[in-house]
Amino acid sequence: MKPTNEQQPWKKKSIFFNLPYWNALLLRHNLNVMHIEKNVYKSIISTLLHLKKKLKDGLNSRRDLEEMSIRHE
């Protein structure tokens, strides 16, 4: 019996299921909190200190804010 769309909404099977240990993992999709915190911290600090190479507040992001009517400057 083939599963219906309600039972299986995804069309593709991930290549990770081909790994021999993948079925034995208790938590297959895990976010690394340490790296997320580090990236958020770097982004906030570089924005506050106006560091040129890590600045996330560039011309394109300012134009996006104008188009979304969030920032008119």
PDB file of N, CA and C in Angstrom:
ATOM      1  N   MET A   1       0.832  -1.176   0.000  1.00  0.00           N
ATOM      2  CA  MET A   1       0.000   0.000   0.000  1.00  0.00           C
ATOM      3  C   MET A   1       0.884   1.249   0.000  1.00  0.00           C
ATOM      4  N   LYS A   2       0.653   2.134  -0.932  1.00  0.00           N
ATOM      5  CA  LYS A   2       1.429   3.355  -1.060  1.00  0.00           C
ATOM      6  C   LYS A   2       0.876   4.418  -0.102  1.00  0.00           C
ATOM      7  N   PRO A   3       1.768   5.135   0.649  1.00  0.00           N
ATOM      8  CA  PRO A   3       1.274   6.155   1.572  1.00  0.00           C
ATOM      9  C   PRO A   3       0.621   7.317   0.826  1.00  0.00           C
ATOM     10  N   THR A   4      -0.427   7.846   1.402  1.00  0.00           N
ATOM     11  CA  THR A   4      -1.112   8.983   0.799  1.00  0.00           C
ATOM     12  C   THR A   4      -0.360  10.268   1.129  1.00  0.00           C
ATOM     13  N   ASN A   5      -0.767  11.367   0.508  1.00  0.00           N
ATOM     14  CA  ASN A   5      -0.127  12.654   0.761  1.00  0.00           C
ATOM     15  C   ASN A   5      -0.309  13.108   2.197  1.00  0.00           C
ATOM     16  N   GLU A   6      -1.403  12.710   2.843  1.00  0.00           N
ATOM     17  CA  GLU A   6      -1.619  13.094   4.236  1.00  0.00           C
ATOM     18  C   GLU A   6      -0.668  12.368   5.162  1.00  0.00           C
ATOM     19  N   GLN A   7      -0.315  11.134   4.820  1.00  0.00           N
ATOM     20  CA  GLN A   7       0.594  10.361   5.654  1.00  0.00           C
ATOM     21  C   GLN A   7       2.053  10.763   5.419  1.00  0.00           C
ATOM     22  N   GLN A   8       2.393  11.107   4.200  1.00  0.00           N
ATOM     23  CA  GLN A   8       3.763  11.467   3.870  1.00  0.00           C
ATOM     24  C   GLN A   8       3.749  12.707   2.977  1.00  0.00           C
ATOM     25  N   PRO A   9       3.876  13.908   3.578  1.00  0.00           N
ATOM     26  CA  PRO A   9       3.778  15.127   2.785  1.00  0.00           C
ATOM     27  C   PRO A   9       5.036  15.450   1.973  1.00  0.00           C
ATOM     28  N   TRP A  10       6.178  14.830   2.287  1.00  0.00           N
ATOM     29  CA  TRP A  10       7.408  15.159   1.581  1.00  0.00           C
ATOM     30  C   TRP A  10       7.570  14.298   0.344  1.00  0.00           C
ATOM     31  N   LYS A  11       8.141  14.884  -0.688  1.00  0.00           N
ATOM     32  CA  LYS A  11       8.306  14.167  -1.947  1.00  0.00           C
ATOM     33  C   LYS A  11       9.674  13.503  -2.063  1.00  0.00           C
ATOM     34  N   LYS A  12      10.690  14.096  -1.397  1.00  0.00           N
ATOM     35  CA  LYS A  12      12.039  13.549  -1.501  1.00  0.00           C
ATOM     36  C   LYS A  12      12.496  12.979  -0.164  1.00  0.00           C
ATOM     37  N   LYS A  13      13.305  11.965  -0.242  1.00  0.00           N
ATOM     38  CA  LYS A  13      13.906  11.382   0.950  1.00  0.00           C
ATOM     39  C   LYS A  13      15.332  11.914   1.059  1.00  0.00           C
ATOM     40  N   SER A  14      15.700  12.375   2.231  1.00  0.00           N
ATOM     41  CA  SER A  14      17.017  12.950   2.439  1.00  0.00           C
ATOM     42  C   SER A  14      18.107  11.915   2.212  1.00  0.00           C
ATOM     43  N   ILE A  15      19.246  12.359   1.699  1.00  0.00           N
ATOM     44  CA  ILE A  15      20.365  11.446   1.462  1.00  0.00           C
ATOM     45  C   ILE A  15      20.971  10.964   2.779  1.00  0.00           C
ATOM     46  N   PHE A  16      20.667  11.658   3.873  1.00  0.00           N
ATOM     47  CA  PHE A  16      21.204  11.237   5.162  1.00  0.00           C
ATOM     48  C   PHE A  16      20.630   9.891   5.608  1.00  0.00           C
ATOM     49  N   PHE A  17      19.448   9.526   5.104  1.00  0.00           N
ATOM     50  CA  PHE A  17      18.864   8.242   5.461  1.00  0.00           C
ATOM     51  C   PHE A  17      19.668   7.080   4.880  1.00  0.00           C
ATOM     52  N   ASN A  18      20.550   7.348   3.950  1.00  0.00           N
ATOM     53  CA  ASN A  18      21.414   6.302   3.394  1.00  0.00           C
ATOM     54  C   ASN A  18      22.605   5.996   4.303  1.00  0.00           C
ATOM     55  N   LEU A  19      22.877   6.861   5.279  1.00  0.00           N
ATOM     56  CA  LEU A  19      23.979   6.610   6.200  1.00  0.00           C
ATOM     57  C   LEU A  19      23.614   5.473   7.145  1.00  0.00           C
ATOM     58  N   PRO A  20      24.567   4.606   7.457  1.00  0.00           N
ATOM     59  CA  PRO A  20      24.244   3.428   8.271  1.00  0.00           C
ATOM     60  C   PRO A  20      23.799   3.760   9.694  1.00  0.00           C
ATOM     61  N   TYR A  21      24.259   4.857  10.255  1.00  0.00           N
ATOM     62  CA  TYR A  21      23.944   5.196  11.641  1.00  0.00           C
ATOM     63  C   TYR A  21      22.743   6.135  11.765  1.00  0.00           C
ATOM     64  N   TRP A  22      22.186   6.594  10.675  1.00  0.00           N
ATOM     65  CA  TRP A  22      21.144   7.623  10.712  1.00  0.00           C
ATOM     66  C   TRP A  22      19.873   7.147  11.422  1.00  0.00           C
ATOM     67  N   ASN A  23      19.471   5.905  11.216  1.00  0.00           N
ATOM     68  CA  ASN A  23      18.265   5.385  11.854  1.00  0.00           C
ATOM     69  C   ASN A  23      18.432   5.219  13.359  1.00  0.00           C
ATOM     70  N   ALA A  24      19.661   5.084  13.832  1.00  0.00           N
ATOM     71  CA  ALA A  24      19.902   4.863  15.258  1.00  0.00           C
ATOM     72  C   ALA A  24      19.955   6.171  16.057  1.00  0.00           C
ATOM     73  N   LEU A  25      20.030   7.312  15.381  1.00  0.00           N
ATOM     74  CA  LEU A  25      20.122   8.584  16.092  1.00  0.00           C
ATOM     75  C   LEU A  25      18.795   8.935  16.762  1.00  0.00           C
ATOM     76  N   LEU A  26      18.874   9.397  18.007  1.00  0.00           N
ATOM     77  CA  LEU A  26      17.661   9.793  18.711  1.00  0.00           C
ATOM     78  C   LEU A  26      17.174  11.160  18.253  1.00  0.00           C
ATOM     79  N   LEU A  27      18.113  12.053  17.999  1.00  0.00           N
ATOM     80  CA  LEU A  27      17.777  13.403  17.566  1.00  0.00           C
ATOM     81  C   LEU A  27      18.498  13.661  16.249  1.00  0.00           C
ATOM     82  N   ARG A  28      17.779  13.583  15.155  1.00  0.00           N
ATOM     83  CA  ARG A  28      18.419  13.666  13.844  1.00  0.00           C
ATOM     84  C   ARG A  28      18.738  15.095  13.439  1.00  0.00           C
ATOM     85  N   HIS A  29      17.858  16.025  13.748  1.00  0.00           N
ATOM     86  CA  HIS A  29      18.068  17.412  13.356  1.00  0.00           C
ATOM     87  C   HIS A  29      18.307  18.227  14.613  1.00  0.00           C
ATOM     88  N   ASN A  30      19.534  18.616  14.815  1.00  0.00           N
ATOM     89  CA  ASN A  30      19.911  19.298  16.040  1.00  0.00           C
ATOM     90  C   ASN A  30      20.573  20.626  15.691  1.00  0.00           C
ATOM     91  N   LEU A  31      20.130  21.687  16.320  1.00  0.00           N
ATOM     92  CA  LEU A  31      20.743  22.995  16.122  1.00  0.00           C
ATOM     93  C   LEU A  31      21.841  23.184  17.157  1.00  0.00           C
ATOM     94  N   ASN A  32      22.964  23.674  16.718  1.00  0.00           N
ATOM     95  CA  ASN A  32      24.068  23.903  17.629  1.00  0.00           C
ATOM     96  C   ASN A  32      23.892  25.285  18.247  1.00  0.00           C
ATOM     97  N   VAL A  33      23.453  25.324  19.487  1.00  0.00           N
ATOM     98  CA  VAL A  33      23.126  26.574  20.168  1.00  0.00           C
ATOM     99  C   VAL A  33      24.356  27.452  20.318  1.00  0.00           C
ATOM    100  N   MET A  34      25.500  26.855  20.568  1.00  0.00           N
ATOM    101  CA  MET A  34      26.721  27.631  20.750  1.00  0.00           C
ATOM    102  C   MET A  34      27.042  28.453  19.498  1.00  0.00           C
ATOM    103  N   HIS A  35      26.927  27.848  18.319  1.00  0.00           N
ATOM    104  CA  HIS A  35      27.237  28.565  17.093  1.00  0.00           C
ATOM    105  C   HIS A  35      26.177  29.621  16.773  1.00  0.00           C
ATOM    106  N   ILE A  36      24.935  29.331  17.074  1.00  0.00           N
ATOM    107  CA  ILE A  36      23.880  30.309  16.853  1.00  0.00           C
ATOM    108  C   ILE A  36      24.098  31.525  17.741  1.00  0.00           C
ATOM    109  N   GLU A  37      24.403  31.303  19.023  1.00  0.00           N
ATOM    110  CA  GLU A  37      24.673  32.410  19.939  1.00  0.00           C
ATOM    111  C   GLU A  37      25.868  33.228  19.474  1.00  0.00           C
ATOM    112  N   LYS A  38      26.917  32.555  19.017  1.00  0.00           N
ATOM    113  CA  LYS A  38      28.116  33.254  18.558  1.00  0.00           C
ATOM    114  C   LYS A  38      27.809  34.129  17.352  1.00  0.00           C
ATOM    115  N   ASN A  39      27.054  33.604  16.403  1.00  0.00           N
ATOM    116  CA  ASN A  39      26.737  34.372  15.201  1.00  0.00           C
ATOM    117  C   ASN A  39      25.827  35.553  15.501  1.00  0.00           C
ATOM    118  N   VAL A  40      24.850  35.373  16.385  1.00  0.00           N
ATOM    119  CA  VAL A  40      23.967  36.474  16.761  1.00  0.00           C
ATOM    120  C   VAL A  40      24.762  37.535  17.511  1.00  0.00           C
ATOM    121  N   TYR A  41      25.623  37.106  18.425  1.00  0.00           N
ATOM    122  CA  TYR A  41      26.454  38.033  19.184  1.00  0.00           C
ATOM    123  C   TYR A  41      27.349  38.848  18.251  1.00  0.00           C
ATOM    124  N   LYS A  42      28.017  38.176  17.323  1.00  0.00           N
ATOM    125  CA  LYS A  42      28.901  38.875  16.381  1.00  0.00           C
ATOM    126  C   LYS A  42      28.118  39.876  15.533  1.00  0.00           C
ATOM    127  N   SER A  43      26.949  39.488  15.112  1.00  0.00           N
ATOM    128  CA  SER A  43      26.132  40.357  14.279  1.00  0.00           C
ATOM    129  C   SER A  43      25.704  41.609  15.042  1.00  0.00           C
ATOM    130  N   ILE A  44      25.257  41.439  16.272  1.00  0.00           N
ATOM    131  CA  ILE A  44      24.810  42.586  17.075  1.00  0.00           C
ATOM    132  C   ILE A  44      25.974  43.504  17.405  1.00  0.00           C
ATOM    133  N   ILE A  45      27.093  42.939  17.845  1.00  0.00           N
ATOM    134  CA  ILE A  45      28.255  43.756  18.209  1.00  0.00           C
ATOM    135  C   ILE A  45      28.804  44.487  16.999  1.00  0.00           C
ATOM    136  N   SER A  46      28.904  43.818  15.868  1.00  0.00           N
ATOM    137  CA  SER A  46      29.452  44.480  14.678  1.00  0.00           C
ATOM    138  C   SER A  46      28.518  45.584  14.185  1.00  0.00           C
ATOM    139  N   THR A  47      27.209  45.403  14.365  1.00  0.00           N
ATOM    140  CA  THR A  47      26.268  46.456  13.979  1.00  0.00           C
ATOM    141  C   THR A  47      26.385  47.644  14.916  1.00  0.00           C
ATOM    142  N   LEU A  48      26.494  47.385  16.217  1.00  0.00           N
ATOM    143  CA  LEU A  48      26.593  48.474  17.190  1.00  0.00           C
ATOM    144  C   LEU A  48      27.906  49.242  17.076  1.00  0.00           C
ATOM    145  N   LEU A  49      28.993  48.538  16.774  1.00  0.00           N
ATOM    146  CA  LEU A  49      30.313  49.178  16.690  1.00  0.00           C
ATOM    147  C   LEU A  49      30.653  49.640  15.276  1.00  0.00           C
ATOM    148  N   HIS A  50      29.751  49.427  14.326  1.00  0.00           N
ATOM    149  CA  HIS A  50      29.942  49.843  12.933  1.00  0.00           C
ATOM    150  C   HIS A  50      31.222  49.269  12.328  1.00  0.00           C
ATOM    151  N   LEU A  51      31.454  47.987  12.546  1.00  0.00           N
ATOM    152  CA  LEU A  51      32.606  47.330  11.940  1.00  0.00           C
ATOM    153  C   LEU A  51      32.305  47.103  10.465  1.00  0.00           C
ATOM    154  N   LYS A  52      33.205  47.520   9.599  1.00  0.00           N
ATOM    155  CA  LYS A  52      32.954  47.511   8.149  1.00  0.00           C
ATOM    156  C   LYS A  52      32.782  46.102   7.581  1.00  0.00           C
ATOM    157  N   LYS A  53      33.659  45.163   7.943  1.00  0.00           N
ATOM    158  CA  LYS A  53      33.606  43.867   7.279  1.00  0.00           C
ATOM    159  C   LYS A  53      32.508  42.957   7.816  1.00  0.00           C
ATOM    160  N   LYS A  54      31.965  43.221   8.979  1.00  0.00           N
ATOM    161  CA  LYS A  54      30.913  42.380   9.538  1.00  0.00           C
ATOM    162  C   LYS A  54      29.577  43.109   9.626  1.00  0.00           C
ATOM    163  N   LEU A  55      29.467  44.244   8.996  1.00  0.00           N
ATOM    164  CA  LEU A  55      28.271  45.063   9.103  1.00  0.00           C
ATOM    165  C   LEU A  55      27.103  44.430   8.343  1.00  0.00           C
ATOM    166  N   LYS A  56      25.976  44.272   9.001  1.00  0.00           N
ATOM    167  CA  LYS A  56      24.787  43.686   8.376  1.00  0.00           C
ATOM    168  C   LYS A  56      23.813  44.774   7.921  1.00  0.00           C
ATOM    169  N   ASP A  57      24.108  46.021   8.243  1.00  0.00           N
ATOM    170  CA  ASP A  57      23.213  47.121   7.927  1.00  0.00           C
ATOM    171  C   ASP A  57      23.758  47.862   6.705  1.00  0.00           C
ATOM    172  N   GLY A  58      23.678  47.217   5.549  1.00  0.00           N
ATOM    173  CA  GLY A  58      24.220  47.785   4.325  1.00  0.00           C
ATOM    174  C   GLY A  58      23.166  48.494   3.499  1.00  0.00           C
ATOM    175  N   LEU A  59      23.554  48.913   2.324  1.00  0.00           N
ATOM    176  CA  LEU A  59      22.674  49.657   1.431  1.00  0.00           C
ATOM    177  C   LEU A  59      21.459  48.821   1.009  1.00  0.00           C
ATOM    178  N   ASN A  60      21.683  47.553   0.689  1.00  0.00           N
ATOM    179  CA  ASN A  60      20.567  46.703   0.271  1.00  0.00           C
ATOM    180  C   ASN A  60      19.557  46.488   1.395  1.00  0.00           C
ATOM    181  N   SER A  61      20.049  46.311   2.616  1.00  0.00           N
ATOM    182  CA  SER A  61      19.110  46.111   3.721  1.00  0.00           C
ATOM    183  C   SER A  61      18.334  47.391   4.014  1.00  0.00           C
ATOM    184  N   ARG A  62      18.965  48.550   3.841  1.00  0.00           N
ATOM    185  CA  ARG A  62      18.253  49.821   4.043  1.00  0.00           C
ATOM    186  C   ARG A  62      17.182  50.024   2.973  1.00  0.00           C
ATOM    187  N   ARG A  63      17.483  49.622   1.745  1.00  0.00           N
ATOM    188  CA  ARG A  63      16.474  49.718   0.682  1.00  0.00           C
ATOM    189  C   ARG A  63      15.306  48.774   0.952  1.00  0.00           C
ATOM    190  N   ASP A  64      15.614  47.585   1.459  1.00  0.00           N
ATOM    191  CA  ASP A  64      14.543  46.643   1.811  1.00  0.00           C
ATOM    192  C   ASP A  64      13.640  47.222   2.888  1.00  0.00           C
ATOM    193  N   LEU A  65      14.230  47.887   3.884  1.00  0.00           N
ATOM    194  CA  LEU A  65      13.430  48.490   4.953  1.00  0.00           C
ATOM    195  C   LEU A  65      12.558  49.617   4.411  1.00  0.00           C
ATOM    196  N   GLU A  66      13.060  50.375   3.448  1.00  0.00           N
ATOM    197  CA  GLU A  66      12.255  51.426   2.837  1.00  0.00           C
ATOM    198  C   GLU A  66      11.085  50.825   2.068  1.00  0.00           C
ATOM    199  N   GLU A  67      11.343  49.745   1.329  1.00  0.00           N
ATOM    200  CA  GLU A  67      10.265  49.095   0.554  1.00  0.00           C
ATOM    201  C   GLU A  67       9.199  48.494   1.442  1.00  0.00           C
ATOM    202  N   MET A  68       9.607  48.030   2.635  1.00  0.00           N
ATOM    203  CA  MET A  68       8.635  47.442   3.560  1.00  0.00           C
ATOM    204  C   MET A  68       7.969  48.511   4.435  1.00  0.00           C
ATOM    205  N   SER A  69       8.305  49.775   4.194  1.00  0.00           N
ATOM    206  CA  SER A  69       7.753  50.911   4.953  1.00  0.00           C
ATOM    207  C   SER A  69       8.058  50.814   6.437  1.00  0.00           C
ATOM    208  N   ILE A  70       9.226  50.311   6.768  1.00  0.00           N
ATOM    209  CA  ILE A  70       9.659  50.233   8.153  1.00  0.00           C
ATOM    210  C   ILE A  70      10.538  51.425   8.503  1.00  0.00           C
ATOM    211  N   ARG A  71      11.410  51.795   7.568  1.00  0.00           N
ATOM    212  CA  ARG A  71      12.354  52.877   7.796  1.00  0.00           C
ATOM    213  C   ARG A  71      12.322  53.779   6.569  1.00  0.00           C
ATOM    214  N   HIS A  72      12.048  55.056   6.774  1.00  0.00           N
ATOM    215  CA  HIS A  72      11.899  55.977   5.638  1.00  0.00           C
ATOM    216  C   HIS A  72      13.143  56.808   5.392  1.00  0.00           C
ATOM    217  N   GLU A  73      14.192  56.626   6.169  1.00  0.00           N
ATOM    218  CA  GLU A  73      15.414  57.419   6.032  1.00  0.00           C
ATOM    219  C   GLU A  73      16.303  56.856   4.932  1.00  0.00           C
TER     220      GLU A  73
END
